Amino acid sequence: MGQYKEMMISIQEMFDDGMIPEQIASMYGFSVEEVYEILYAMNDMDKDYDPGDMDGDAETALASAGWGTDEDFGGYGVDLDF
C-alpha cells in the first residue's frame, strides 16, 4: 500500500477514535480543510463497495468466471434425453 493511502487510513482512524480535525491537521501540518477533504475522500471510497450489489447465486458466479450461462448450454427446462 502506498504512503499516501496509509496516511489517509491513519487520519480516518484517528478521527474515528475521537480526534478532532484541528488536532489531526496540527499533527500532519495540514490545513483543517485538507483533513476534511481526506475524510470525505475516505468516506466516498467506502460507499463504492456494496456487498449487497452481489446476488451471490452460483449461475452469476460461474458466468463471471467465464463458465458461461444456461443459454450457452441449452438450459432453462430443455430436457435432453441421451
Protein backbone atom coordinates (compact mmCIF):
# COMPACT_ATOMS: atom_id res chain seq x y z
CA MET A 1 0.00 0.00 0.00
CA GLY A 2 1.27 3.47 -0.80
CA GLN A 3 2.34 6.00 1.80
CA TYR A 4 -0.47 8.39 0.88
CA LYS A 5 -3.13 5.69 1.29
CA GLU A 6 -1.61 4.64 4.64
CA MET A 7 -1.72 8.27 5.79
CA MET A 8 -5.36 8.57 4.73
CA ILE A 9 -6.26 5.43 6.66
CA SER A 10 -4.37 6.71 9.70
CA ILE A 11 -6.24 10.03 9.57
CA GLN A 12 -9.57 8.21 9.28
CA GLU A 13 -8.71 6.00 12.26
CA MET A 14 -7.70 8.99 14.39
CA PHE A 15 -10.96 10.72 13.51
CA ASP A 16 -12.94 7.56 14.30
CA ASP A 17 -11.15 7.35 17.66
CA GLY A 18 -12.38 10.82 18.60
CA MET A 19 -9.65 13.20 17.48
CA ILE A 20 -10.99 16.42 16.05
CA PRO A 21 -9.84 17.56 12.58
CA GLU A 22 -7.96 20.51 14.09
CA GLN A 23 -5.76 18.13 16.10
CA ILE A 24 -5.14 15.90 13.10
CA ALA A 25 -4.28 18.89 10.92
CA SER A 26 -1.78 20.08 13.50
CA MET A 27 -0.11 16.65 13.65
CA TYR A 28 0.36 16.45 9.88
CA GLY A 29 0.92 20.12 9.15
CA PHE A 30 -2.23 20.25 7.03
CA SER A 31 -5.00 22.79 6.98
CA VAL A 32 -8.28 21.76 8.56
CA GLU A 33 -9.85 21.89 5.09
CA GLU A 34 -7.31 19.34 3.82
CA VAL A 35 -8.17 16.98 6.66
CA TYR A 36 -11.86 17.31 5.85
CA GLU A 37 -11.10 16.57 2.17
CA ILE A 38 -9.25 13.40 3.16
CA LEU A 39 -12.07 12.30 5.45
CA TYR A 40 -14.59 13.00 2.70
CA ALA A 41 -12.50 11.01 0.19
CA MET A 42 -12.24 8.08 2.60
CA ASN A 43 -16.00 8.16 3.14
CA ASP A 44 -16.55 8.15 -0.64
CA MET A 45 -14.28 5.12 -1.03
CA ASP A 46 -16.36 3.20 1.49
CA LYS A 47 -19.52 3.93 -0.49
CA ASP A 48 -18.06 2.44 -3.69
CA TYR A 49 -18.14 -1.09 -2.28
CA ASP A 50 -21.56 -2.51 -1.64
CA PRO A 51 -21.70 -6.24 -0.94
CA GLY A 52 -25.46 -6.05 -1.43
CA ASP A 53 -24.85 -5.47 -5.13
CA MET A 54 -23.79 -9.09 -5.50
CA ASP A 55 -26.63 -11.53 -5.81
CA GLY A 56 -24.48 -14.46 -4.69
CA ASP A 57 -26.01 -17.14 -6.89
CA ALA A 58 -23.93 -19.86 -8.50
CA GLU A 59 -25.01 -19.04 -12.06
CA THR A 60 -23.77 -15.47 -11.81
CA ALA A 61 -20.50 -16.56 -10.26
CA LEU A 62 -19.88 -19.15 -12.97
CA ALA A 63 -20.78 -16.71 -15.74
CA SER A 64 -18.40 -14.13 -14.26
CA ALA A 65 -15.67 -16.75 -14.14
CA GLY A 66 -16.13 -17.44 -17.86
CA TRP A 67 -18.02 -20.70 -17.50
CA GLY A 68 -20.98 -19.39 -19.48
CA THR A 69 -24.65 -19.30 -18.66
CA ASP A 70 -27.62 -21.61 -19.08
CA GLU A 71 -28.31 -20.09 -22.50
CA ASP A 72 -24.87 -21.22 -23.65
CA PHE A 73 -25.55 -24.82 -22.69
CA GLY A 74 -29.19 -25.27 -23.64
CA GLY A 75 -30.62 -24.89 -20.17
CA TYR A 76 -33.92 -23.48 -18.97
CA GLY A 77 -36.07 -26.56 -18.91
CA VAL A 78 -34.81 -28.24 -22.05
CA ASP A 79 -34.63 -31.91 -21.23
CA LEU A 80 -32.06 -33.68 -23.36
CA ASP A 81 -32.55 -37.44 -23.48
CA PHE A 82 -29.33 -39.22 -24.23
